[in-house]
């Protein structure tokens, strides 16, 4: 399903949109869709990285990870 969305953009951005849609030989709406998807993917990646950075600063999380690693290594040694 698709929904129509209207927005006002600065002229400079519209000019760039026109230019790159022409260069890539794709419709402007497709370029906008790809750009939004790409931007959201980058936001998700940044959130993922931040969650690991927060976990690395949490002593309890570090202890749990180390305990899990010790258990894993014991299992590997039994193989």
PDB file of N, CA and C in Angstrom:
ATOM      1  N   UNK A   1       0.845  -1.183   0.000  1.00  0.00           N
ATOM      2  CA  UNK A   1       0.000   0.000   0.000  1.00  0.00           C
ATOM      3  C   UNK A   1       0.885   1.240   0.000  1.00  0.00           C
ATOM      4  N   UNK A   2       0.472   2.239  -0.695  1.00  0.00           N
ATOM      5  CA  UNK A   2       1.202   3.503  -0.745  1.00  0.00           C
ATOM      6  C   UNK A   2       0.276   4.633  -0.330  1.00  0.00           C
ATOM      7  N   UNK A   3       0.864   5.643   0.262  1.00  0.00           N
ATOM      8  CA  UNK A   3       0.141   6.818   0.707  1.00  0.00           C
ATOM      9  C   UNK A   3       0.751   8.039   0.055  1.00  0.00           C
ATOM     10  N   UNK A   4      -0.066   8.958  -0.359  1.00  0.00           N
ATOM     11  CA  UNK A   4       0.415  10.208  -0.941  1.00  0.00           C
ATOM     12  C   UNK A   4       0.763  11.167   0.182  1.00  0.00           C
ATOM     13  N   UNK A   5       1.918  11.814   0.043  1.00  0.00           N
ATOM     14  CA  UNK A   5       2.394  12.751   1.049  1.00  0.00           C
ATOM     15  C   UNK A   5       2.844  14.020   0.346  1.00  0.00           C
ATOM     16  N   UNK A   6       2.403  15.156   0.843  1.00  0.00           N
ATOM     17  CA  UNK A   6       2.812  16.445   0.266  1.00  0.00           C
ATOM     18  C   UNK A   6       3.715  17.165   1.245  1.00  0.00           C
ATOM     19  N   UNK A   7       4.708  17.847   0.710  1.00  0.00           N
ATOM     20  CA  UNK A   7       5.649  18.569   1.557  1.00  0.00           C
ATOM     21  C   UNK A   7       6.207  19.764   0.797  1.00  0.00           C
ATOM     22  N   UNK A   8       6.641  20.745   1.545  1.00  0.00           N
ATOM     23  CA  UNK A   8       7.298  21.905   0.967  1.00  0.00           C
ATOM     24  C   UNK A   8       8.792  21.771   1.238  1.00  0.00           C
ATOM     25  N   UNK A   9       9.586  21.916   0.189  1.00  0.00           N
ATOM     26  CA  UNK A   9      11.038  21.792   0.309  1.00  0.00           C
ATOM     27  C   UNK A   9      11.712  23.061  -0.196  1.00  0.00           C
ATOM     28  N   UNK A  10      12.901  23.362   0.324  1.00  0.00           N
ATOM     29  CA  UNK A  10      13.641  24.533  -0.174  1.00  0.00           C
ATOM     30  C   UNK A  10      13.986  24.364  -1.656  1.00  0.00           C
ATOM     31  N   UNK A  11      14.019  25.464  -2.366  1.00  0.00           N
ATOM     32  CA  UNK A  11      14.319  25.438  -3.804  1.00  0.00           C
ATOM     33  C   UNK A  11      15.636  24.732  -4.100  1.00  0.00           C
ATOM     34  N   UNK A  12      16.641  24.963  -3.273  1.00  0.00           N
ATOM     35  CA  UNK A  12      17.952  24.342  -3.477  1.00  0.00           C
ATOM     36  C   UNK A  12      17.837  22.814  -3.454  1.00  0.00           C
ATOM     37  N   UNK A  13      17.044  22.307  -2.532  1.00  0.00           N
ATOM     38  CA  UNK A  13      16.857  20.862  -2.437  1.00  0.00           C
ATOM     39  C   UNK A  13      16.083  20.326  -3.646  1.00  0.00           C
ATOM     40  N   UNK A  14      15.104  21.064  -4.101  1.00  0.00           N
ATOM     41  CA  UNK A  14      14.338  20.666  -5.291  1.00  0.00           C
ATOM     42  C   UNK A  14      15.257  20.624  -6.507  1.00  0.00           C
ATOM     43  N   UNK A  15      16.150  21.599  -6.617  1.00  0.00           N
ATOM     44  CA  UNK A  15      17.100  21.616  -7.739  1.00  0.00           C
ATOM     45  C   UNK A  15      18.001  20.380  -7.688  1.00  0.00           C
ATOM     46  N   UNK A  16      18.484  20.041  -6.505  1.00  0.00           N
ATOM     47  CA  UNK A  16      19.327  18.852  -6.362  1.00  0.00           C
ATOM     48  C   UNK A  16      18.541  17.580  -6.673  1.00  0.00           C
ATOM     49  N   UNK A  17      17.302  17.537  -6.222  1.00  0.00           N
ATOM     50  CA  UNK A  17      16.436  16.396  -6.507  1.00  0.00           C
ATOM     51  C   UNK A  17      16.269  16.227  -8.014  1.00  0.00           C
ATOM     52  N   UNK A  18      15.968  17.302  -8.689  1.00  0.00           N
ATOM     53  CA  UNK A  18      15.819  17.257 -10.150  1.00  0.00           C
ATOM     54  C   UNK A  18      17.103  16.804 -10.828  1.00  0.00           C
ATOM     55  N   UNK A  19      18.214  17.360 -10.391  1.00  0.00           N
ATOM     56  CA  UNK A  19      19.518  17.034 -10.986  1.00  0.00           C
ATOM     57  C   UNK A  19      19.845  15.549 -10.849  1.00  0.00           C
ATOM     58  N   UNK A  20      19.712  15.021  -9.626  1.00  0.00           N
ATOM     59  CA  UNK A  20      20.100  13.631  -9.407  1.00  0.00           C
ATOM     60  C   UNK A  20      19.088  12.645  -9.972  1.00  0.00           C
ATOM     61  N   UNK A  21      17.838  13.002  -9.996  1.00  0.00           N
ATOM     62  CA  UNK A  21      16.849  12.137 -10.648  1.00  0.00           C
ATOM     63  C   UNK A  21      17.175  12.019 -12.140  1.00  0.00           C
ATOM     64  N   UNK A  22      17.584  13.135 -12.730  1.00  0.00           N
ATOM     65  CA  UNK A  22      17.973  13.128 -14.144  1.00  0.00           C
ATOM     66  C   UNK A  22      19.247  12.299 -14.329  1.00  0.00           C
ATOM     67  N   UNK A  23      20.261  12.532 -13.472  1.00  0.00           N
ATOM     68  CA  UNK A  23      21.531  11.799 -13.591  1.00  0.00           C
ATOM     69  C   UNK A  23      21.337  10.296 -13.434  1.00  0.00           C
ATOM     70  N   UNK A  24      20.498   9.909 -12.492  1.00  0.00           N
ATOM     71  CA  UNK A  24      20.283   8.494 -12.214  1.00  0.00           C
ATOM     72  C   UNK A  24      19.197   7.885 -13.097  1.00  0.00           C
ATOM     73  N   UNK A  25      18.531   8.754 -13.851  1.00  0.00           N
ATOM     74  CA  UNK A  25      17.470   8.327 -14.752  1.00  0.00           C
ATOM     75  C   UNK A  25      16.366   7.564 -14.007  1.00  0.00           C
ATOM     76  N   UNK A  26      15.947   8.139 -12.869  1.00  0.00           N
ATOM     77  CA  UNK A  26      14.849   7.564 -12.095  1.00  0.00           C
ATOM     78  C   UNK A  26      13.854   8.675 -11.753  1.00  0.00           C
ATOM     79  N   UNK A  27      12.609   8.310 -11.494  1.00  0.00           N
ATOM     80  CA  UNK A  27      11.633   9.324 -11.106  1.00  0.00           C
ATOM     81  C   UNK A  27      12.004   9.958  -9.758  1.00  0.00           C
ATOM     82  N   UNK A  28      11.621  11.191  -9.586  1.00  0.00           N
ATOM     83  CA  UNK A  28      11.936  11.916  -8.345  1.00  0.00           C
ATOM     84  C   UNK A  28      11.354  11.215  -7.122  1.00  0.00           C
ATOM     85  N   UNK A  29      10.144  10.695  -7.236  1.00  0.00           N
ATOM     86  CA  UNK A  29       9.560  10.032  -6.074  1.00  0.00           C
ATOM     87  C   UNK A  29      10.354   8.792  -5.669  1.00  0.00           C
ATOM     88  N   UNK A  30      10.942   8.108  -6.650  1.00  0.00           N
ATOM     89  CA  UNK A  30      11.771   6.940  -6.351  1.00  0.00           C
ATOM     90  C   UNK A  30      13.063   7.364  -5.655  1.00  0.00           C
ATOM     91  N   UNK A  31      13.640   8.464  -6.078  1.00  0.00           N
ATOM     92  CA  UNK A  31      14.848   8.988  -5.436  1.00  0.00           C
ATOM     93  C   UNK A  31      14.541   9.408  -3.997  1.00  0.00           C
ATOM     94  N   UNK A  32      13.416  10.050  -3.786  1.00  0.00           N
ATOM     95  CA  UNK A  32      13.014  10.443  -2.432  1.00  0.00           C
ATOM     96  C   UNK A  32      12.827   9.208  -1.564  1.00  0.00           C
ATOM     97  N   UNK A  33      12.144   8.191  -2.088  1.00  0.00           N
ATOM     98  CA  UNK A  33      11.903   6.962  -1.331  1.00  0.00           C
ATOM     99  C   UNK A  33      13.223   6.283  -0.957  1.00  0.00           C
ATOM    100  N   UNK A  34      14.120   6.165  -1.929  1.00  0.00           N
ATOM    101  CA  UNK A  34      15.430   5.546  -1.650  1.00  0.00           C
ATOM    102  C   UNK A  34      16.206   6.345  -0.601  1.00  0.00           C
ATOM    103  N   UNK A  35      16.141   7.656  -0.715  1.00  0.00           N
ATOM    104  CA  UNK A  35      16.864   8.520   0.217  1.00  0.00           C
ATOM    105  C   UNK A  35      16.339   8.374   1.641  1.00  0.00           C
ATOM    106  N   UNK A  36      15.025   8.319   1.777  1.00  0.00           N
ATOM    107  CA  UNK A  36      14.431   8.158   3.107  1.00  0.00           C
ATOM    108  C   UNK A  36      14.794   6.802   3.683  1.00  0.00           C
ATOM    109  N   UNK A  37      14.708   5.754   2.873  1.00  0.00           N
ATOM    110  CA  UNK A  37      15.081   4.413   3.350  1.00  0.00           C
ATOM    111  C   UNK A  37      16.540   4.377   3.808  1.00  0.00           C
ATOM    112  N   UNK A  38      17.411   4.976   3.015  1.00  0.00           N
ATOM    113  CA  UNK A  38      18.836   5.012   3.347  1.00  0.00           C
ATOM    114  C   UNK A  38      19.067   5.779   4.655  1.00  0.00           C
ATOM    115  N   UNK A  39      18.421   6.908   4.797  1.00  0.00           N
ATOM    116  CA  UNK A  39      18.578   7.735   5.987  1.00  0.00           C
ATOM    117  C   UNK A  39      18.088   7.000   7.234  1.00  0.00           C
ATOM    118  N   UNK A  40      16.942   6.333   7.129  1.00  0.00           N
ATOM    119  CA  UNK A  40      16.413   5.582   8.268  1.00  0.00           C
ATOM    120  C   UNK A  40      17.345   4.428   8.623  1.00  0.00           C
ATOM    121  N   UNK A  41      17.924   3.770   7.628  1.00  0.00           N
ATOM    122  CA  UNK A  41      18.886   2.694   7.882  1.00  0.00           C
ATOM    123  C   UNK A  41      20.097   3.232   8.652  1.00  0.00           C
ATOM    124  N   UNK A  42      20.579   4.409   8.281  1.00  0.00           N
ATOM    125  CA  UNK A  42      21.718   5.010   8.968  1.00  0.00           C
ATOM    126  C   UNK A  42      21.357   5.364  10.420  1.00  0.00           C
ATOM    127  N   UNK A  43      20.146   5.827  10.646  1.00  0.00           N
ATOM    128  CA  UNK A  43      19.701   6.133  12.008  1.00  0.00           C
ATOM    129  C   UNK A  43      19.668   4.856  12.845  1.00  0.00           C
ATOM    130  N   UNK A  44      19.132   3.777  12.275  1.00  0.00           N
ATOM    131  CA  UNK A  44      19.071   2.504  12.988  1.00  0.00           C
ATOM    132  C   UNK A  44      20.472   1.994  13.321  1.00  0.00           C
ATOM    133  N   UNK A  45      21.402   2.138  12.394  1.00  0.00           N
ATOM    134  CA  UNK A  45      22.778   1.717  12.643  1.00  0.00           C
ATOM    135  C   UNK A  45      23.385   2.525  13.787  1.00  0.00           C
ATOM    136  N   UNK A  46      23.139   3.821  13.800  1.00  0.00           N
ATOM    137  CA  UNK A  46      23.662   4.677  14.872  1.00  0.00           C
ATOM    138  C   UNK A  46      23.059   4.286  16.215  1.00  0.00           C
ATOM    139  N   UNK A  47      21.764   3.969  16.238  1.00  0.00           N
ATOM    140  CA  UNK A  47      21.117   3.530  17.475  1.00  0.00           C
ATOM    141  C   UNK A  47      21.727   2.223  17.970  1.00  0.00           C
ATOM    142  N   UNK A  48      22.005   1.317  17.053  1.00  0.00           N
ATOM    143  CA  UNK A  48      22.602   0.024  17.382  1.00  0.00           C
ATOM    144  C   UNK A  48      23.984   0.223  18.005  1.00  0.00           C
ATOM    145  N   UNK A  49      24.774   1.075  17.390  1.00  0.00           N
ATOM    146  CA  UNK A  49      26.119   1.371  17.912  1.00  0.00           C
ATOM    147  C   UNK A  49      26.029   1.997  19.292  1.00  0.00           C
ATOM    148  N   UNK A  50      25.115   2.942  19.459  1.00  0.00           N
ATOM    149  CA  UNK A  50      24.946   3.594  20.762  1.00  0.00           C
ATOM    150  C   UNK A  50      24.526   2.601  21.832  1.00  0.00           C
ATOM    151  N   UNK A  51      23.697   1.628  21.486  1.00  0.00           N
ATOM    152  CA  UNK A  51      23.271   0.640  22.475  1.00  0.00           C
ATOM    153  C   UNK A  51      24.460  -0.193  22.943  1.00  0.00           C
ATOM    154  N   UNK A  52      25.378  -0.525  22.039  1.00  0.00           N
ATOM    155  CA  UNK A  52      26.581  -1.263  22.428  1.00  0.00           C
ATOM    156  C   UNK A  52      27.501  -0.388  23.276  1.00  0.00           C
ATOM    157  N   UNK A  53      27.588   0.876  22.933  1.00  0.00           N
ATOM    158  CA  UNK A  53      28.426   1.781  23.721  1.00  0.00           C
ATOM    159  C   UNK A  53      27.877   1.929  25.136  1.00  0.00           C
ATOM    160  N   UNK A  54      26.556   2.029  25.268  1.00  0.00           N
ATOM    161  CA  UNK A  54      25.940   2.113  26.604  1.00  0.00           C
ATOM    162  C   UNK A  54      26.178   0.822  27.373  1.00  0.00           C
ATOM    163  N   UNK A  55      26.016  -0.315  26.709  1.00  0.00           N
ATOM    164  CA  UNK A  55      26.210  -1.608  27.359  1.00  0.00           C
ATOM    165  C   UNK A  55      27.655  -1.773  27.817  1.00  0.00           C
ATOM    166  N   UNK A  56      28.597  -1.267  27.030  1.00  0.00           N
ATOM    167  CA  UNK A  56      30.009  -1.378  27.388  1.00  0.00           C
ATOM    168  C   UNK A  56      30.330  -0.583  28.652  1.00  0.00           C
ATOM    169  N   UNK A  57      29.557   0.443  28.929  1.00  0.00           N
ATOM    170  CA  UNK A  57      29.789   1.269  30.119  1.00  0.00           C
ATOM    171  C   UNK A  57      29.037   0.745  31.341  1.00  0.00           C
ATOM    172  N   UNK A  58      28.192  -0.254  31.146  1.00  0.00           N
ATOM    173  CA  UNK A  58      27.384  -0.818  32.223  1.00  0.00           C
ATOM    174  C   UNK A  58      28.125  -2.020  32.815  1.00  0.00           C
ATOM    175  N   UNK A  59      28.568  -1.891  34.059  1.00  0.00           N
ATOM    176  CA  UNK A  59      29.362  -2.957  34.692  1.00  0.00           C
ATOM    177  C   UNK A  59      28.590  -4.272  34.752  1.00  0.00           C
ATOM    178  N   UNK A  60      27.304  -4.205  35.035  1.00  0.00           N
ATOM    179  CA  UNK A  60      26.501  -5.431  35.121  1.00  0.00           C
ATOM    180  C   UNK A  60      26.453  -6.142  33.773  1.00  0.00           C
ATOM    181  N   UNK A  61      26.285  -5.384  32.701  1.00  0.00           N
ATOM    182  CA  UNK A  61      26.267  -5.978  31.361  1.00  0.00           C
ATOM    183  C   UNK A  61      27.619  -6.617  31.038  1.00  0.00           C
ATOM    184  N   UNK A  62      28.690  -5.947  31.428  1.00  0.00           N
ATOM    185  CA  UNK A  62      30.033  -6.478  31.180  1.00  0.00           C
ATOM    186  C   UNK A  62      30.231  -7.790  31.926  1.00  0.00           C
ATOM    187  N   UNK A  63      29.802  -7.836  33.191  1.00  0.00           N
ATOM    188  CA  UNK A  63      29.926  -9.062  33.982  1.00  0.00           C
ATOM    189  C   UNK A  63      29.127 -10.204  33.368  1.00  0.00           C
ATOM    190  N   UNK A  64      27.912  -9.902  32.912  1.00  0.00           N
ATOM    191  CA  UNK A  64      27.091 -10.930  32.264  1.00  0.00           C
ATOM    192  C   UNK A  64      27.749 -11.447  30.990  1.00  0.00           C
ATOM    193  N   UNK A  65      28.303 -10.552  30.204  1.00  0.00           N
ATOM    194  CA  UNK A  65      28.974 -10.944  28.960  1.00  0.00           C
ATOM    195  C   UNK A  65      30.190 -11.806  29.255  1.00  0.00           C
ATOM    196  N   UNK A  66      30.962 -11.420  30.263  1.00  0.00           N
ATOM    197  CA  UNK A  66      32.151 -12.198  30.613  1.00  0.00           C
ATOM    198  C   UNK A  66      31.761 -13.577  31.124  1.00  0.00           C
ATOM    199  N   UNK A  67      30.718 -13.648  31.944  1.00  0.00           N
ATOM    200  CA  UNK A  67      30.251 -14.937  32.451  1.00  0.00           C
ATOM    201  C   UNK A  67      29.782 -15.823  31.304  1.00  0.00           C
ATOM    202  N   UNK A  68      29.082 -15.246  30.366  1.00  0.00           N
ATOM    203  CA  UNK A  68      28.619 -16.000  29.204  1.00  0.00           C
ATOM    204  C   UNK A  68      29.771 -16.493  28.365  1.00  0.00           C
ATOM    205  N   UNK A  69      30.805 -15.681  28.233  1.00  0.00           N
ATOM    206  CA  UNK A  69      31.979 -16.075  27.460  1.00  0.00           C
ATOM    207  C   UNK A  69      32.706 -17.217  28.155  1.00  0.00           C
ATOM    208  N   UNK A  70      32.830 -17.142  29.482  1.00  0.00           N
ATOM    209  CA  UNK A  70      33.478 -18.223  30.223  1.00  0.00           C
ATOM    210  C   UNK A  70      32.734 -19.537  30.021  1.00  0.00           C
ATOM    211  N   UNK A  71      31.401 -19.475  30.101  1.00  0.00           N
ATOM    212  CA  UNK A  71      30.585 -20.681  29.898  1.00  0.00           C
ATOM    213  C   UNK A  71      30.767 -21.221  28.484  1.00  0.00           C
ATOM    214  N   UNK A  72      30.815 -20.341  27.516  1.00  0.00           N
ATOM    215  CA  UNK A  72      31.012 -20.743  26.124  1.00  0.00           C
ATOM    216  C   UNK A  72      32.366 -21.431  25.955  1.00  0.00           C
ATOM    217  N   UNK A  73      33.411 -20.851  26.526  1.00  0.00           N
ATOM    218  CA  UNK A  73      34.751 -21.439  26.396  1.00  0.00           C
ATOM    219  C   UNK A  73      34.817 -22.810  27.059  1.00  0.00           C
ATOM    220  N   UNK A  74      34.133 -22.979  28.174  1.00  0.00           N
ATOM    221  CA  UNK A  74      34.085 -24.292  28.836  1.00  0.00           C
ATOM    222  C   UNK A  74      33.423 -25.311  27.928  1.00  0.00           C
ATOM    223  N   UNK A  75      32.362 -24.914  27.254  1.00  0.00           N
ATOM    224  CA  UNK A  75      31.671 -25.821  26.333  1.00  0.00           C
ATOM    225  C   UNK A  75      32.568 -26.188  25.148  1.00  0.00           C
ATOM    226  N   UNK A  76      33.323 -25.226  24.670  1.00  0.00           N
ATOM    227  CA  UNK A  76      34.235 -25.478  23.536  1.00  0.00           C
ATOM    228  C   UNK A  76      35.316 -26.461  23.953  1.00  0.00           C
ATOM    229  N   UNK A  77      35.827 -26.299  25.161  1.00  0.00           N
ATOM    230  CA  UNK A  77      36.875 -27.197  25.651  1.00  0.00           C
ATOM    231  C   UNK A  77      36.383 -28.631  25.768  1.00  0.00           C
ATOM    232  N   UNK A  78      35.087 -28.815  26.010  1.00  0.00           N
ATOM    233  CA  UNK A  78      34.521 -30.156  26.173  1.00  0.00           C
ATOM    234  C   UNK A  78      34.354 -30.853  24.828  1.00  0.00           C
ATOM    235  N   UNK A  79      34.455 -30.125  23.746  1.00  0.00           N
ATOM    236  CA  UNK A  79      34.280 -30.741  22.424  1.00  0.00           C
ATOM    237  C   UNK A  79      35.440 -31.596  22.027  1.00  0.00           C
TER     238      UNK A  79
END
